[in-house]
């Protein structure tokens, strides 16, 4: 059973001469501090990774234990000191694979955020522009056109009533407004899934 990693001493952020990935050409003290800060941020980001992903990374037992211990540190000062300690340990590893692992883990969230923005843009466009319906149906022919037209009419009515009540206000979040968003989001998700299947089939090796 591994012992818990104790908090590092106060001087845990002092510079070491044997830091291969931070000292290729004897950088200035300012640059070393900046690099150390970036490694601390990376160490904190590694804490977000699930245990199975963290286990796949090439980390020393000491660094792995230090990252696990960070999850249990609650005080601000204790966390600051522990991050300095992690930054010091990370001077002896190649940070690029670790950055790639963090970026890969965060990517689905970024994609979901982009998908929500795209759906919102389409919703506004469909309610505001008559030609948008034609464009949408051409690009997404599987859409139930009758349902889409009905939702657009209702959302426009809600917006007109809202603007009449208070000039310049946002349309109230009516049922039609919400359902229009869900319909658009589902259509975009289906398009993305079809594109992915197409890419996967094109990239698959031919059977011999």
C-alpha atoms as a PDB file:
ATOM      1  CA  UNK A   1       0.000   0.000   0.000  1.00  0.00           C
ATOM      2  CA  UNK A   2       1.442   3.358  -1.005  1.00  0.00           C
ATOM      3  CA  UNK A   3       1.887   6.001   1.628  1.00  0.00           C
ATOM      4  CA  UNK A   4       0.153   9.307   1.044  1.00  0.00           C
ATOM      5  CA  UNK A   5       2.278  12.045  -0.447  1.00  0.00           C
ATOM      6  CA  UNK A   6       3.131  14.621   2.205  1.00  0.00           C
ATOM      7  CA  UNK A   7       2.904  18.314   1.474  1.00  0.00           C
ATOM      8  CA  UNK A   8       6.116  19.723  -0.002  1.00  0.00           C
ATOM      9  CA  UNK A   9       8.359  22.053   1.977  1.00  0.00           C
ATOM     10  CA  UNK A  10       8.083  25.811   1.608  1.00  0.00           C
ATOM     11  CA  UNK A  11      11.027  25.997  -0.797  1.00  0.00           C
ATOM     12  CA  UNK A  12       9.627  23.381  -3.180  1.00  0.00           C
ATOM     13  CA  UNK A  13       9.570  25.884  -6.049  1.00  0.00           C
ATOM     14  CA  UNK A  14      13.311  26.492  -6.075  1.00  0.00           C
ATOM     15  CA  UNK A  15      15.098  25.914  -9.364  1.00  0.00           C
ATOM     16  CA  UNK A  16      17.012  22.682  -9.958  1.00  0.00           C
ATOM     17  CA  UNK A  17      19.994  22.370 -12.251  1.00  0.00           C
ATOM     18  CA  UNK A  18      18.887  18.907 -13.432  1.00  0.00           C
ATOM     19  CA  UNK A  19      15.694  19.956 -15.231  1.00  0.00           C
ATOM     20  CA  UNK A  20      16.238  18.583 -18.761  1.00  0.00           C
ATOM     21  CA  UNK A  21      12.993  19.743 -20.351  1.00  0.00           C
ATOM     22  CA  UNK A  22      13.198  23.273 -18.980  1.00  0.00           C
ATOM     23  CA  UNK A  23      16.859  24.103 -19.443  1.00  0.00           C
ATOM     24  CA  UNK A  24      17.956  23.397 -23.035  1.00  0.00           C
ATOM     25  CA  UNK A  25      19.997  26.583 -23.208  1.00  0.00           C
ATOM     26  CA  UNK A  26      20.123  27.944 -19.663  1.00  0.00           C
ATOM     27  CA  UNK A  27      17.021  30.167 -19.938  1.00  0.00           C
ATOM     28  CA  UNK A  28      16.640  33.219 -17.770  1.00  0.00           C
ATOM     29  CA  UNK A  29      15.130  33.045 -14.305  1.00  0.00           C
ATOM     30  CA  UNK A  30      11.954  34.694 -15.612  1.00  0.00           C
ATOM     31  CA  UNK A  31      11.587  32.076 -18.325  1.00  0.00           C
ATOM     32  CA  UNK A  32      12.173  29.285 -15.823  1.00  0.00           C
ATOM     33  CA  UNK A  33       9.452  30.684 -13.581  1.00  0.00           C
ATOM     34  CA  UNK A  34       7.052  30.949 -16.512  1.00  0.00           C
ATOM     35  CA  UNK A  35       7.787  27.381 -17.558  1.00  0.00           C
ATOM     36  CA  UNK A  36       7.327  26.201 -13.970  1.00  0.00           C
ATOM     37  CA  UNK A  37       3.964  27.983 -13.795  1.00  0.00           C
ATOM     38  CA  UNK A  38       2.841  26.324 -17.031  1.00  0.00           C
ATOM     39  CA  UNK A  39       3.819  22.924 -15.653  1.00  0.00           C
ATOM     40  CA  UNK A  40       1.835  23.607 -12.506  1.00  0.00           C
ATOM     41  CA  UNK A  41      -1.218  24.423 -14.635  1.00  0.00           C
ATOM     42  CA  UNK A  42      -0.671  21.224 -16.607  1.00  0.00           C
ATOM     43  CA  UNK A  43      -0.392  19.237 -13.398  1.00  0.00           C
ATOM     44  CA  UNK A  44      -3.680  20.695 -12.190  1.00  0.00           C
ATOM     45  CA  UNK A  45      -5.285  19.839 -15.545  1.00  0.00           C
ATOM     46  CA  UNK A  46      -4.091  16.228 -15.237  1.00  0.00           C
ATOM     47  CA  UNK A  47      -6.195  15.974 -12.100  1.00  0.00           C
ATOM     48  CA  UNK A  48      -9.292  16.229 -14.345  1.00  0.00           C
ATOM     49  CA  UNK A  49      -8.451  12.981 -16.123  1.00  0.00           C
ATOM     50  CA  UNK A  50     -10.287   9.802 -15.109  1.00  0.00           C
ATOM     51  CA  UNK A  51      -8.152   7.191 -13.364  1.00  0.00           C
ATOM     52  CA  UNK A  52      -8.049   4.931 -16.440  1.00  0.00           C
ATOM     53  CA  UNK A  53      -6.689   7.734 -18.647  1.00  0.00           C
ATOM     54  CA  UNK A  54      -4.190   8.848 -16.039  1.00  0.00           C
ATOM     55  CA  UNK A  55      -2.941   5.273 -15.724  1.00  0.00           C
ATOM     56  CA  UNK A  56      -2.056   5.225 -19.430  1.00  0.00           C
ATOM     57  CA  UNK A  57       0.373   8.141 -19.090  1.00  0.00           C
ATOM     58  CA  UNK A  58       4.096   7.704 -18.550  1.00  0.00           C
ATOM     59  CA  UNK A  59       4.332   9.184 -15.043  1.00  0.00           C
ATOM     60  CA  UNK A  60       6.554   8.300 -12.139  1.00  0.00           C
ATOM     61  CA  UNK A  61       4.877   6.852  -9.054  1.00  0.00           C
ATOM     62  CA  UNK A  62       5.898   9.980  -7.144  1.00  0.00           C
ATOM     63  CA  UNK A  63       4.221  12.304  -9.636  1.00  0.00           C
ATOM     64  CA  UNK A  64       1.151  10.095  -9.900  1.00  0.00           C
ATOM     65  CA  UNK A  65       0.794  10.059  -6.113  1.00  0.00           C
ATOM     66  CA  UNK A  66       1.261  13.844  -5.984  1.00  0.00           C
ATOM     67  CA  UNK A  67      -1.566  14.353  -8.511  1.00  0.00           C
ATOM     68  CA  UNK A  68      -3.821  12.027  -6.500  1.00  0.00           C
ATOM     69  CA  UNK A  69      -2.948  13.903  -3.317  1.00  0.00           C
ATOM     70  CA  UNK A  70      -3.859  17.236  -4.933  1.00  0.00           C
ATOM     71  CA  UNK A  71      -7.479  16.089  -5.066  1.00  0.00           C
ATOM     72  CA  UNK A  72      -7.497  15.906  -1.275  1.00  0.00           C
ATOM     73  CA  UNK A  73      -5.863  19.266  -0.564  1.00  0.00           C
ATOM     74  CA  UNK A  74      -8.502  21.820   0.398  1.00  0.00           C
ATOM     75  CA  UNK A  75      -6.729  24.876   1.785  1.00  0.00           C
ATOM     76  CA  UNK A  76      -5.653  27.591  -0.647  1.00  0.00           C
ATOM     77  CA  UNK A  77      -2.097  27.772   0.698  1.00  0.00           C
ATOM     78  CA  UNK A  78      -1.725  24.005   0.823  1.00  0.00           C
ATOM     79  CA  UNK A  79      -2.927  23.727  -2.760  1.00  0.00           C
ATOM     80  CA  UNK A  80      -0.538  26.451  -3.908  1.00  0.00           C
ATOM     81  CA  UNK A  81       2.439  24.714  -2.303  1.00  0.00           C
ATOM     82  CA  UNK A  82       1.401  21.322  -3.636  1.00  0.00           C
ATOM     83  CA  UNK A  83       1.078  22.665  -7.173  1.00  0.00           C
ATOM     84  CA  UNK A  84       4.603  24.052  -6.876  1.00  0.00           C
ATOM     85  CA  UNK A  85       5.747  20.593  -5.832  1.00  0.00           C
ATOM     86  CA  UNK A  86       3.990  18.997  -8.818  1.00  0.00           C
ATOM     87  CA  UNK A  87       5.517  21.585 -11.140  1.00  0.00           C
ATOM     88  CA  UNK A  88       8.959  20.684  -9.798  1.00  0.00           C
ATOM     89  CA  UNK A  89       8.358  16.955 -10.366  1.00  0.00           C
ATOM     90  CA  UNK A  90       7.134  17.609 -13.895  1.00  0.00           C
ATOM     91  CA  UNK A  91      10.408  19.250 -14.894  1.00  0.00           C
ATOM     92  CA  UNK A  92      11.740  15.740 -15.415  1.00  0.00           C
ATOM     93  CA  UNK A  93       9.057  14.542 -17.854  1.00  0.00           C
ATOM     94  CA  UNK A  94       8.194  15.448 -21.431  1.00  0.00           C
ATOM     95  CA  UNK A  95       5.075  17.634 -21.077  1.00  0.00           C
ATOM     96  CA  UNK A  96       3.850  17.334 -24.672  1.00  0.00           C
ATOM     97  CA  UNK A  97       2.195  13.877 -24.368  1.00  0.00           C
ATOM     98  CA  UNK A  98       0.534  15.093 -21.173  1.00  0.00           C
ATOM     99  CA  UNK A  99      -0.813  18.209 -22.888  1.00  0.00           C
ATOM    100  CA  UNK A 100      -2.123  16.045 -25.721  1.00  0.00           C
ATOM    101  CA  UNK A 101      -3.883  13.759 -23.238  1.00  0.00           C
ATOM    102  CA  UNK A 102      -5.582  16.712 -21.539  1.00  0.00           C
ATOM    103  CA  UNK A 103      -6.582  18.271 -24.874  1.00  0.00           C
ATOM    104  CA  UNK A 104      -7.994  14.958 -26.093  1.00  0.00           C
ATOM    105  CA  UNK A 105     -10.056  14.604 -22.917  1.00  0.00           C
ATOM    106  CA  UNK A 106     -11.433  18.141 -23.206  1.00  0.00           C
ATOM    107  CA  UNK A 107     -12.200  17.928 -26.942  1.00  0.00           C
ATOM    108  CA  UNK A 108     -15.699  16.400 -26.682  1.00  0.00           C
ATOM    109  CA  UNK A 109     -16.756  19.288 -24.447  1.00  0.00           C
ATOM    110  CA  UNK A 110     -15.471  21.789 -27.018  1.00  0.00           C
ATOM    111  CA  UNK A 111     -17.367  19.981 -29.774  1.00  0.00           C
ATOM    112  CA  UNK A 112     -20.570  20.006 -27.755  1.00  0.00           C
ATOM    113  CA  UNK A 113     -20.223  23.732 -27.114  1.00  0.00           C
ATOM    114  CA  UNK A 114     -19.700  24.373 -30.836  1.00  0.00           C
ATOM    115  CA  UNK A 115     -22.753  22.255 -31.684  1.00  0.00           C
ATOM    116  CA  UNK A 116     -24.904  24.301 -29.285  1.00  0.00           C
ATOM    117  CA  UNK A 117     -23.693  27.561 -30.837  1.00  0.00           C
ATOM    118  CA  UNK A 118     -24.467  26.260 -34.326  1.00  0.00           C
ATOM    119  CA  UNK A 119     -27.947  25.166 -33.278  1.00  0.00           C
ATOM    120  CA  UNK A 120     -28.646  28.566 -31.739  1.00  0.00           C
ATOM    121  CA  UNK A 121     -27.457  30.340 -34.889  1.00  0.00           C
ATOM    122  CA  UNK A 122     -29.745  28.211 -37.036  1.00  0.00           C
ATOM    123  CA  UNK A 123     -32.707  28.785 -34.726  1.00  0.00           C
ATOM    124  CA  UNK A 124     -32.319  32.560 -34.950  1.00  0.00           C
ATOM    125  CA  UNK A 125     -31.790  32.342 -38.691  1.00  0.00           C
ATOM    126  CA  UNK A 126     -34.906  30.207 -39.251  1.00  0.00           C
ATOM    127  CA  UNK A 127     -37.085  32.576 -37.250  1.00  0.00           C
ATOM    128  CA  UNK A 128     -35.630  35.711 -38.832  1.00  0.00           C
ATOM    129  CA  UNK A 129     -35.136  34.746 -42.477  1.00  0.00           C
ATOM    130  CA  UNK A 130     -37.758  33.153 -44.749  1.00  0.00           C
ATOM    131  CA  UNK A 131     -35.062  31.801 -47.067  1.00  0.00           C
ATOM    132  CA  UNK A 132     -33.401  29.930 -44.190  1.00  0.00           C
ATOM    133  CA  UNK A 133     -36.140  27.280 -44.212  1.00  0.00           C
ATOM    134  CA  UNK A 134     -35.417  26.448 -47.854  1.00  0.00           C
ATOM    135  CA  UNK A 135     -31.703  26.215 -47.151  1.00  0.00           C
ATOM    136  CA  UNK A 136     -32.234  24.023 -44.092  1.00  0.00           C
ATOM    137  CA  UNK A 137     -34.547  21.582 -45.883  1.00  0.00           C
ATOM    138  CA  UNK A 138     -32.123  21.333 -48.781  1.00  0.00           C
ATOM    139  CA  UNK A 139     -29.231  20.538 -46.429  1.00  0.00           C
ATOM    140  CA  UNK A 140     -31.327  18.344 -44.098  1.00  0.00           C
ATOM    141  CA  UNK A 141     -33.967  16.643 -46.273  1.00  0.00           C
ATOM    142  CA  UNK A 142     -34.784  14.134 -43.522  1.00  0.00           C
ATOM    143  CA  UNK A 143     -36.372  16.910 -41.444  1.00  0.00           C
ATOM    144  CA  UNK A 144     -40.144  16.818 -40.905  1.00  0.00           C
ATOM    145  CA  UNK A 145     -40.917  19.950 -42.914  1.00  0.00           C
ATOM    146  CA  UNK A 146     -44.454  20.345 -41.585  1.00  0.00           C
ATOM    147  CA  UNK A 147     -43.300  20.246 -37.951  1.00  0.00           C
ATOM    148  CA  UNK A 148     -40.475  22.659 -38.670  1.00  0.00           C
ATOM    149  CA  UNK A 149     -42.784  25.169 -40.367  1.00  0.00           C
ATOM    150  CA  UNK A 150     -45.226  24.980 -37.462  1.00  0.00           C
ATOM    151  CA  UNK A 151     -42.503  25.597 -34.897  1.00  0.00           C
ATOM    152  CA  UNK A 152     -41.142  28.542 -36.877  1.00  0.00           C
ATOM    153  CA  UNK A 153     -44.597  30.138 -37.086  1.00  0.00           C
ATOM    154  CA  UNK A 154     -45.142  29.720 -33.353  1.00  0.00           C
ATOM    155  CA  UNK A 155     -41.689  31.050 -32.486  1.00  0.00           C
ATOM    156  CA  UNK A 156     -42.250  34.103 -34.705  1.00  0.00           C
ATOM    157  CA  UNK A 157     -45.586  34.739 -33.038  1.00  0.00           C
ATOM    158  CA  UNK A 158     -43.955  34.543 -29.599  1.00  0.00           C
ATOM    159  CA  UNK A 159     -41.232  36.928 -30.673  1.00  0.00           C
ATOM    160  CA  UNK A 160     -43.728  39.419 -32.084  1.00  0.00           C
ATOM    161  CA  UNK A 161     -45.746  39.360 -28.859  1.00  0.00           C
ATOM    162  CA  UNK A 162     -42.592  39.797 -26.791  1.00  0.00           C
ATOM    163  CA  UNK A 163     -41.412  42.737 -28.903  1.00  0.00           C
ATOM    164  CA  UNK A 164     -44.814  44.349 -28.677  1.00  0.00           C
ATOM    165  CA  UNK A 165     -44.750  44.057 -24.904  1.00  0.00           C
ATOM    166  CA  UNK A 166     -41.235  45.485 -24.565  1.00  0.00           C
ATOM    167  CA  UNK A 167     -39.401  46.868 -27.576  1.00  0.00           C
ATOM    168  CA  UNK A 168     -36.053  45.253 -28.134  1.00  0.00           C
ATOM    169  CA  UNK A 169     -36.552  42.440 -25.635  1.00  0.00           C
ATOM    170  CA  UNK A 170     -35.500  38.879 -26.314  1.00  0.00           C
ATOM    171  CA  UNK A 171     -38.290  36.488 -27.322  1.00  0.00           C
ATOM    172  CA  UNK A 172     -39.677  34.664 -24.331  1.00  0.00           C
ATOM    173  CA  UNK A 173     -38.519  31.063 -24.073  1.00  0.00           C
ATOM    174  CA  UNK A 174     -41.761  29.480 -25.205  1.00  0.00           C
ATOM    175  CA  UNK A 175     -42.315  25.806 -25.863  1.00  0.00           C
ATOM    176  CA  UNK A 176     -42.058  26.365 -29.617  1.00  0.00           C
ATOM    177  CA  UNK A 177     -38.798  28.275 -29.171  1.00  0.00           C
ATOM    178  CA  UNK A 178     -37.317  25.394 -27.143  1.00  0.00           C
ATOM    179  CA  UNK A 179     -38.642  22.675 -29.427  1.00  0.00           C
ATOM    180  CA  UNK A 180     -37.269  24.457 -32.478  1.00  0.00           C
ATOM    181  CA  UNK A 181     -33.841  24.450 -30.860  1.00  0.00           C
ATOM    182  CA  UNK A 182     -34.086  20.720 -30.101  1.00  0.00           C
ATOM    183  CA  UNK A 183     -35.176  19.909 -33.650  1.00  0.00           C
ATOM    184  CA  UNK A 184     -32.299  21.897 -35.136  1.00  0.00           C
ATOM    185  CA  UNK A 185     -29.777  20.389 -32.711  1.00  0.00           C
ATOM    186  CA  UNK A 186     -30.949  16.865 -33.575  1.00  0.00           C
ATOM    187  CA  UNK A 187     -30.649  17.607 -37.281  1.00  0.00           C
ATOM    188  CA  UNK A 188     -27.104  18.903 -36.897  1.00  0.00           C
ATOM    189  CA  UNK A 189     -26.157  15.911 -34.736  1.00  0.00           C
ATOM    190  CA  UNK A 190     -27.472  13.529 -37.385  1.00  0.00           C
ATOM    191  CA  UNK A 191     -25.477  15.327 -40.038  1.00  0.00           C
ATOM    192  CA  UNK A 192     -22.297  15.096 -37.932  1.00  0.00           C
ATOM    193  CA  UNK A 193     -22.865  11.386 -37.260  1.00  0.00           C
ATOM    194  CA  UNK A 194     -23.385  10.672 -40.955  1.00  0.00           C
ATOM    195  CA  UNK A 195     -20.217  12.548 -41.849  1.00  0.00           C
ATOM    196  CA  UNK A 196     -18.257  10.577 -39.255  1.00  0.00           C
ATOM    197  CA  UNK A 197     -19.612   7.251 -40.559  1.00  0.00           C
ATOM    198  CA  UNK A 198     -18.644   8.307 -44.085  1.00  0.00           C
ATOM    199  CA  UNK A 199     -15.111   9.187 -42.979  1.00  0.00           C
ATOM    200  CA  UNK A 200     -14.770   5.928 -41.046  1.00  0.00           C
ATOM    201  CA  UNK A 201     -15.939   3.852 -44.018  1.00  0.00           C
ATOM    202  CA  UNK A 202     -13.530   5.632 -46.366  1.00  0.00           C
ATOM    203  CA  UNK A 203     -10.684   5.164 -43.926  1.00  0.00           C
ATOM    204  CA  UNK A 204     -11.355   1.498 -43.264  1.00  0.00           C
ATOM    205  CA  UNK A 205      -8.832  -0.930 -44.850  1.00  0.00           C
ATOM    206  CA  UNK A 206     -10.052  -3.064 -47.728  1.00  0.00           C
ATOM    207  CA  UNK A 207     -10.723  -6.731 -46.939  1.00  0.00           C
ATOM    208  CA  UNK A 208      -8.348  -9.061 -48.682  1.00  0.00           C
END
